[in-house]
Amino acid sequence: MTRKTASQHPSASARQAGGDGGFTWTRPHLLGLEDLSKEEILHIFRTAESFQEISTRSIKKVPALRGRVVVNLFFEDSTRTRTSFSLAAQRLSADVIDFAAARSSVTKGESLRDTVRNIEAMGVDVFVIRHPAGGAPHYITRCTNCHVINAGDGQHEHPTQGLIDIFTIRERKGRIEGLNVVIVGDISHSRVARSNLWGLNKLGANVTFVGPTTLVPRAFQEMGAKVTHDLDAALKDADVVNMLRIQRERMTSQVFPSTEEYVRLFGLTRERLKGTRPDLLILHPGPINRGVELASDVADGPNSSILRQVSNGLAIRMAVLYLVNQAGTAMPA
């Protein structure tokens, strides 16, 4: 099965994005940051930069993916990620289908493979998948000719969120190499933390994971992160702090004594900021539990780039959709 490349109908921005310094994007899927090279990550960033101005136009569209069909195949609830991918695809002039697992044949026992193959038979081009099982996007690449983008798989990776976070750091700080980045929260269950770690390490940052001992095991040191359970000590030399959401089920489990205890030890408050660098950059992938991970005055304060992360999410996801479509199609195994 042969598919046209997106470059057959590119916008001026898209043409600029596709030809950076002789580098050619060859991956038909985006499954994780662990597999990407430094140059591939930087190429995504350059492409995203070329798409940023589209969101400032009165008509926020370019024809780069005109005629393509993108399916949001979400088996987990999401607001930001699904909406961001939908808008990104629409701004590239693709048609978008939102798949809701709760209202599909999956509830009748249909397998993931059959679901994908049946949707593909309708003439779609890209699957954006979010699934509670780690490795689900990788499995789909073996079942379909379509491009596959991982929008979060279990506790494995969330590559576009990792790219958004790192892109925002680079935009605000002007570089990644040599920065001290502290990531705080439920590291053990966080696919965002893993994607951030892989990407930040490849671009030369120093990454520290912080949280309760029950949620930040020492095993992460083998992946290249420093591990500590003392947030105040970690923040003293930090250039960036990325606060991860504590899921509600963790608040009522035995992983830490109480929400109040978590806030006291690991919440980012105005008082705690007094011991940090004045230009500390504060990120959060959302949604925020205000008063838990972040005090409201910190989340809305001058050091916060949380809303900028959301804005950058469109450009990053436009770039990823555009690039995987440029790469042609990988036949399933």
Protein backbone atom coordinates (compact mmCIF):
# COMPACT_ATOMS: atom_id res chain seq x y z
CA MET A 1 0.00 0.00 0.00
CA THR A 2 1.53 3.30 -1.07
CA ARG A 3 0.71 6.65 0.46
CA LYS A 4 1.64 10.09 -0.85
CA THR A 5 4.02 12.12 1.22
CA ALA A 6 2.82 15.34 2.83
CA SER A 7 5.41 17.30 0.91
CA GLN A 8 3.26 17.03 -2.23
CA HIS A 9 1.00 19.78 -0.89
CA PRO A 10 3.19 21.71 1.57
CA SER A 11 2.78 25.22 2.81
CA ALA A 12 5.73 27.60 2.78
CA SER A 13 6.21 26.84 6.46
CA ALA A 14 6.11 23.12 5.80
CA ARG A 15 8.64 23.35 2.99
CA GLN A 16 10.96 25.22 5.32
CA ALA A 17 10.40 22.61 8.03
CA GLY A 18 11.23 19.67 5.83
CA GLY A 19 14.62 20.79 4.57
CA ASP A 20 16.74 21.72 7.56
CA GLY A 21 20.46 21.56 6.89
CA GLY A 22 20.21 18.45 4.72
CA PHE A 23 18.64 16.38 7.51
CA THR A 24 15.93 13.99 6.29
CA TRP A 25 13.31 12.62 8.67
CA THR A 26 12.82 8.89 8.02
CA ARG A 27 10.62 7.59 10.86
CA PRO A 28 7.03 6.77 9.86
CA HIS A 29 6.01 6.59 13.54
CA LEU A 30 6.73 8.40 16.80
CA LEU A 31 6.70 5.84 19.60
CA GLY A 32 9.07 7.26 22.23
CA LEU A 33 12.02 9.53 22.92
CA GLU A 34 14.23 6.66 24.05
CA ASP A 35 14.69 5.68 20.39
CA LEU A 36 15.28 9.17 18.98
CA SER A 37 18.69 10.70 18.37
CA LYS A 38 19.66 14.19 19.48
CA GLU A 39 19.47 15.38 15.87
CA GLU A 40 15.98 13.94 15.43
CA ILE A 41 14.75 15.75 18.54
CA LEU A 42 16.30 19.02 17.36
CA HIS A 43 14.74 18.55 13.92
CA ILE A 44 11.30 18.22 15.52
CA PHE A 45 12.00 21.46 17.38
CA ARG A 46 13.06 23.30 14.22
CA THR A 47 9.95 22.06 12.46
CA ALA A 48 7.75 23.14 15.38
CA GLU A 49 9.30 26.62 15.31
CA SER A 50 8.36 26.96 11.65
CA PHE A 51 4.73 26.12 12.49
CA GLN A 52 4.36 28.42 15.52
CA GLU A 53 3.30 31.48 13.55
CA ILE A 54 0.32 29.65 12.05
CA SER A 55 -1.51 29.98 15.37
CA THR A 56 -1.18 33.77 15.16
CA ARG A 57 -2.91 34.07 11.76
CA SER A 58 -6.50 35.11 11.24
CA ILE A 59 -6.98 31.87 9.27
CA LYS A 60 -5.11 29.27 11.28
CA LYS A 61 -4.57 26.66 8.58
CA VAL A 62 -2.01 25.42 6.06
CA PRO A 63 -2.63 22.68 3.47
CA ALA A 64 0.28 20.43 4.47
CA LEU A 65 -1.91 17.39 5.30
CA ARG A 66 -4.91 18.16 3.11
CA GLY A 67 -6.70 14.92 2.22
CA ARG A 68 -5.19 12.99 5.14
CA VAL A 69 -7.29 11.39 7.87
CA VAL A 70 -6.06 11.34 11.50
CA VAL A 71 -7.77 9.10 14.04
CA ASN A 72 -7.50 9.87 17.76
CA LEU A 73 -7.63 6.34 19.15
CA PHE A 74 -7.95 7.05 22.87
CA PHE A 75 -8.55 4.23 25.36
CA GLU A 76 -7.97 6.57 28.31
CA ASP A 77 -9.67 9.83 29.21
CA SER A 78 -7.89 12.97 28.07
CA THR A 79 -8.76 16.60 27.46
CA ARG A 80 -5.52 18.43 26.69
CA THR A 81 -3.76 15.77 24.63
CA ARG A 82 -6.78 14.81 22.53
CA THR A 83 -7.78 18.44 21.90
CA SER A 84 -4.20 19.43 21.10
CA PHE A 85 -3.78 16.63 18.55
CA SER A 86 -7.18 17.42 17.00
CA LEU A 87 -6.35 21.11 16.61
CA ALA A 88 -2.86 20.33 15.31
CA ALA A 89 -4.26 18.03 12.63
CA GLN A 90 -6.98 20.51 11.66
CA ARG A 91 -4.45 23.34 11.32
CA LEU A 92 -2.58 21.14 8.86
CA SER A 93 -5.93 20.67 7.00
CA ALA A 94 -6.31 16.98 7.87
CA ASP A 95 -9.67 15.40 8.64
CA VAL A 96 -9.98 14.20 12.25
CA ILE A 97 -11.95 11.31 13.73
CA ASP A 98 -12.25 11.00 17.51
CA PHE A 99 -12.57 7.37 18.64
CA ALA A 100 -14.20 6.80 22.04
CA ALA A 101 -13.45 3.32 23.40
CA ALA A 102 -16.45 3.44 25.75
CA ARG A 103 -18.82 3.74 22.77
CA SER A 104 -17.04 1.33 20.44
CA SER A 105 -17.01 -2.37 19.63
CA VAL A 106 -14.16 -2.73 22.13
CA THR A 107 -16.87 -2.93 24.80
CA LYS A 108 -18.22 -5.99 22.94
CA GLY A 109 -14.89 -7.77 23.07
CA GLU A 110 -13.28 -6.66 19.81
CA SER A 111 -9.48 -6.92 19.92
CA LEU A 112 -7.17 -3.94 19.52
CA ARG A 113 -5.84 -5.44 16.29
CA ASP A 114 -9.31 -5.87 14.79
CA THR A 115 -10.32 -2.37 15.86
CA VAL A 116 -7.29 -0.88 14.14
CA ARG A 117 -7.62 -2.97 10.98
CA ASN A 118 -11.32 -2.14 10.61
CA ILE A 119 -10.72 1.60 11.01
CA GLU A 120 -7.77 1.44 8.60
CA ALA A 121 -10.03 -0.20 6.00
CA MET A 122 -12.06 3.04 5.91
CA GLY A 123 -9.07 4.84 4.41
CA VAL A 124 -7.29 6.56 7.30
CA ASP A 125 -3.64 7.61 7.42
CA VAL A 126 -2.57 8.24 11.02
CA PHE A 127 -3.43 6.68 14.37
CA VAL A 128 -2.77 8.80 17.46
CA ILE A 129 -3.10 6.28 20.28
CA ARG A 130 -3.42 6.63 24.04
CA HIS A 131 -3.67 3.28 25.83
CA PRO A 132 -3.30 1.99 29.41
CA ALA A 133 -1.03 -0.84 28.25
CA GLY A 134 2.64 -0.07 27.73
CA GLY A 135 3.73 -1.05 24.22
CA ALA A 136 0.27 -0.75 22.62
CA PRO A 137 1.44 1.79 19.98
CA HIS A 138 4.38 -0.46 19.10
CA TYR A 139 2.00 -3.39 18.64
CA ILE A 140 -0.24 -1.35 16.33
CA THR A 141 2.70 -0.62 14.00
CA ARG A 142 2.81 -4.37 13.33
CA CYS A 143 -0.90 -4.46 12.43
CA THR A 144 -1.27 -1.52 10.08
CA ASN A 145 0.20 0.44 7.18
CA CYS A 146 -0.80 3.69 8.90
CA HIS A 147 1.50 6.06 10.74
CA VAL A 148 1.33 5.66 14.53
CA ILE A 149 1.95 8.37 17.15
CA ASN A 150 2.14 7.47 20.82
CA ALA A 151 -0.04 9.80 22.91
CA GLY A 152 0.79 7.93 26.13
CA ASP A 153 1.10 4.19 26.73
CA GLY A 154 0.78 2.86 30.27
CA GLN A 155 3.76 3.81 32.40
CA HIS A 156 6.11 3.65 29.41
CA GLU A 157 6.30 6.99 27.54
CA HIS A 158 4.41 10.13 26.52
CA PRO A 159 6.80 11.38 23.84
CA THR A 160 4.95 14.47 22.61
CA GLN A 161 4.53 15.76 26.18
CA GLY A 162 8.23 15.19 26.77
CA LEU A 163 9.02 17.12 23.58
CA ILE A 164 6.69 19.95 24.65
CA ASP A 165 8.38 20.26 28.04
CA ILE A 166 11.90 20.23 26.61
CA PHE A 167 10.96 22.62 23.78
CA THR A 168 9.52 25.06 26.33
CA ILE A 169 12.70 24.86 28.44
CA ARG A 170 14.84 25.53 25.37
CA GLU A 171 12.61 28.43 24.33
CA ARG A 172 12.80 30.10 27.75
CA LYS A 173 16.40 29.27 28.65
CA GLY A 174 17.98 29.35 25.20
CA ARG A 175 19.64 25.97 25.68
CA ILE A 176 19.30 22.54 27.27
CA GLU A 177 22.92 21.47 27.71
CA GLY A 178 24.20 21.94 31.24
CA LEU A 179 20.84 22.90 32.77
CA ASN A 180 19.78 21.36 36.08
CA VAL A 181 16.23 20.05 35.66
CA VAL A 182 14.31 18.78 38.69
CA ILE A 183 11.23 16.61 38.11
CA VAL A 184 8.99 16.18 41.17
CA GLY A 185 6.18 13.78 42.00
CA ASP A 186 5.04 10.26 41.23
CA ILE A 187 8.01 9.29 39.10
CA SER A 188 7.39 5.58 39.40
CA HIS A 189 4.09 5.70 37.49
CA SER A 190 4.92 8.66 35.22
CA ARG A 191 5.33 8.17 31.48
CA VAL A 192 5.95 11.94 31.22
CA ALA A 193 8.97 11.69 33.55
CA ARG A 194 10.46 8.88 31.50
CA SER A 195 10.08 10.74 28.20
CA ASN A 196 11.56 13.88 29.75
CA LEU A 197 14.51 11.93 31.08
CA TRP A 198 15.35 10.29 27.75
CA GLY A 199 15.11 13.58 25.84
CA LEU A 200 16.87 15.77 28.40
CA ASN A 201 19.75 13.33 28.77
CA LYS A 202 20.33 13.27 25.01
CA LEU A 203 20.45 17.07 24.90
CA GLY A 204 22.92 17.31 27.79
CA ALA A 205 20.81 18.35 30.80
CA ASN A 206 21.29 17.10 34.36
CA VAL A 207 18.07 15.47 35.58
CA THR A 208 17.08 14.95 39.22
CA PHE A 209 13.98 13.00 40.26
CA VAL A 210 12.38 14.01 43.57
CA GLY A 211 9.48 12.56 45.54
CA PRO A 212 8.55 10.14 48.32
CA THR A 213 10.69 7.02 48.59
CA THR A 214 7.61 4.99 47.66
CA LEU A 215 7.27 6.84 44.34
CA VAL A 216 10.90 7.51 43.37
CA PRO A 217 12.91 4.27 43.56
CA ARG A 218 16.68 4.37 43.28
CA ALA A 219 16.45 2.21 40.16
CA PHE A 220 15.99 5.39 38.10
CA GLN A 221 19.68 6.14 38.65
CA GLU A 222 20.41 3.36 36.16
CA MET A 223 18.51 5.39 33.53
CA GLY A 224 20.71 8.43 34.09
CA ALA A 225 18.80 10.43 36.69
CA LYS A 226 19.92 11.58 40.09
CA VAL A 227 17.43 10.52 42.78
CA THR A 228 16.74 12.41 46.00
CA HIS A 229 13.89 12.76 48.45
CA ASP A 230 14.84 16.27 49.60
CA LEU A 231 13.10 18.84 47.41
CA ASP A 232 14.64 21.91 49.06
CA ALA A 233 18.16 20.60 48.49
CA ALA A 234 17.39 19.73 44.86
CA LEU A 235 15.91 23.18 44.16
CA LYS A 236 18.96 25.15 45.36
CA ASP A 237 20.82 24.71 42.07
CA ALA A 238 17.83 24.04 39.81
CA ASP A 239 17.27 25.95 36.58
CA VAL A 240 13.95 24.22 35.89
CA VAL A 241 11.41 22.37 38.01
CA ASN A 242 8.71 20.23 36.41
CA MET A 243 5.92 19.37 38.87
CA LEU A 244 4.02 16.20 38.03
CA ARG A 245 0.39 15.60 38.91
CA ILE A 246 -0.30 13.35 41.88
CA GLN A 247 -3.18 11.11 40.84
CA ARG A 248 -6.14 11.03 43.20
CA GLU A 249 -5.83 7.31 43.80
CA ARG A 250 -2.31 7.88 45.17
CA MET A 251 -3.71 10.41 47.65
CA THR A 252 -5.93 7.76 49.20
CA SER A 253 -3.40 4.91 49.09
CA GLN A 254 -0.48 4.10 51.38
CA VAL A 255 2.29 5.58 49.20
CA PHE A 256 2.46 8.66 51.47
CA PRO A 257 0.78 9.36 54.83
CA SER A 258 -1.55 12.19 53.75
CA THR A 259 -2.06 14.94 51.21
CA GLU A 260 -0.98 17.48 53.84
CA GLU A 261 2.27 15.58 54.38
CA TYR A 262 2.93 15.48 50.64
CA VAL A 263 2.34 19.22 50.30
CA ARG A 264 4.66 19.97 53.21
CA LEU A 265 7.52 17.91 51.76
CA PHE A 266 7.03 18.16 48.00
CA GLY A 267 4.56 20.94 47.18
CA LEU A 268 5.91 24.05 45.46
CA THR A 269 4.86 27.09 47.49
CA ARG A 270 5.82 30.75 47.48
CA GLU A 271 7.77 30.18 50.69
CA ARG A 272 9.74 27.33 49.15
CA LEU A 273 10.60 29.49 46.12
CA LYS A 274 12.55 31.86 48.37
CA GLY A 275 15.37 29.32 48.48
CA THR A 276 15.63 29.00 44.68
CA ARG A 277 17.21 30.95 41.84
CA PRO A 278 15.15 34.00 40.86
CA ASP A 279 14.85 32.81 37.26
CA LEU A 280 13.72 29.28 38.13
CA LEU A 281 11.43 28.02 35.34
CA ILE A 282 8.30 26.22 36.58
CA LEU A 283 6.50 23.65 34.41
CA HIS A 284 3.58 21.27 34.89
CA PRO A 285 2.16 18.94 32.20
CA GLY A 286 -1.38 19.37 33.61
CA PRO A 287 -3.96 19.05 34.85
CA ILE A 288 -2.84 20.74 38.08
CA ASN A 289 -4.07 19.80 41.54
CA ARG A 290 -3.89 23.33 42.91
CA GLY A 291 -2.75 23.37 46.50
CA VAL A 292 -1.08 19.97 46.13
CA GLU A 293 1.73 20.03 43.55
CA LEU A 294 1.59 23.81 43.19
CA ALA A 295 0.17 26.69 45.18
CA SER A 296 -2.10 28.82 43.00
CA ASP A 297 0.10 31.91 43.30
CA VAL A 298 3.05 29.85 42.07
CA ALA A 299 1.13 28.24 39.21
CA ASP A 300 0.01 31.69 38.04
CA GLY A 301 3.22 33.51 38.96
CA PRO A 302 5.96 35.04 36.78
CA ASN A 303 8.19 31.95 36.87
CA SER A 304 5.46 29.70 35.48
CA SER A 305 5.39 28.65 31.80
CA ILE A 306 2.50 26.21 32.19
CA LEU A 307 0.20 27.93 29.69
CA ARG A 308 3.12 28.32 27.30
CA GLN A 309 3.52 24.53 27.42
CA VAL A 310 -0.08 24.23 26.22
CA SER A 311 0.54 26.70 23.37
CA ASN A 312 3.75 24.93 22.38
CA GLY A 313 1.86 21.63 22.38
CA LEU A 314 0.10 22.62 19.16
CA ALA A 315 3.34 23.40 17.32
CA ILE A 316 5.07 20.23 18.53
CA ARG A 317 2.14 18.02 17.55
CA MET A 318 1.82 19.74 14.18
CA ALA A 319 5.51 19.04 13.62
CA VAL A 320 5.21 15.38 14.58
CA LEU A 321 2.12 14.82 12.40
CA TYR A 322 3.82 16.51 9.47
CA LEU A 323 7.12 14.66 9.83
CA VAL A 324 5.76 11.11 10.17
CA ASN A 325 3.60 11.72 7.08
CA GLN A 326 6.72 12.88 5.19
CA ALA A 327 8.44 9.60 5.96
CA GLY A 328 6.16 7.43 3.84
CA THR A 329 4.67 4.19 5.16
CA ALA A 330 6.21 1.28 7.01
CA MET A 331 4.69 -2.08 6.09
CA PRO A 332 3.53 -4.14 9.07
CA ALA A 333 5.55 -7.15 10.18
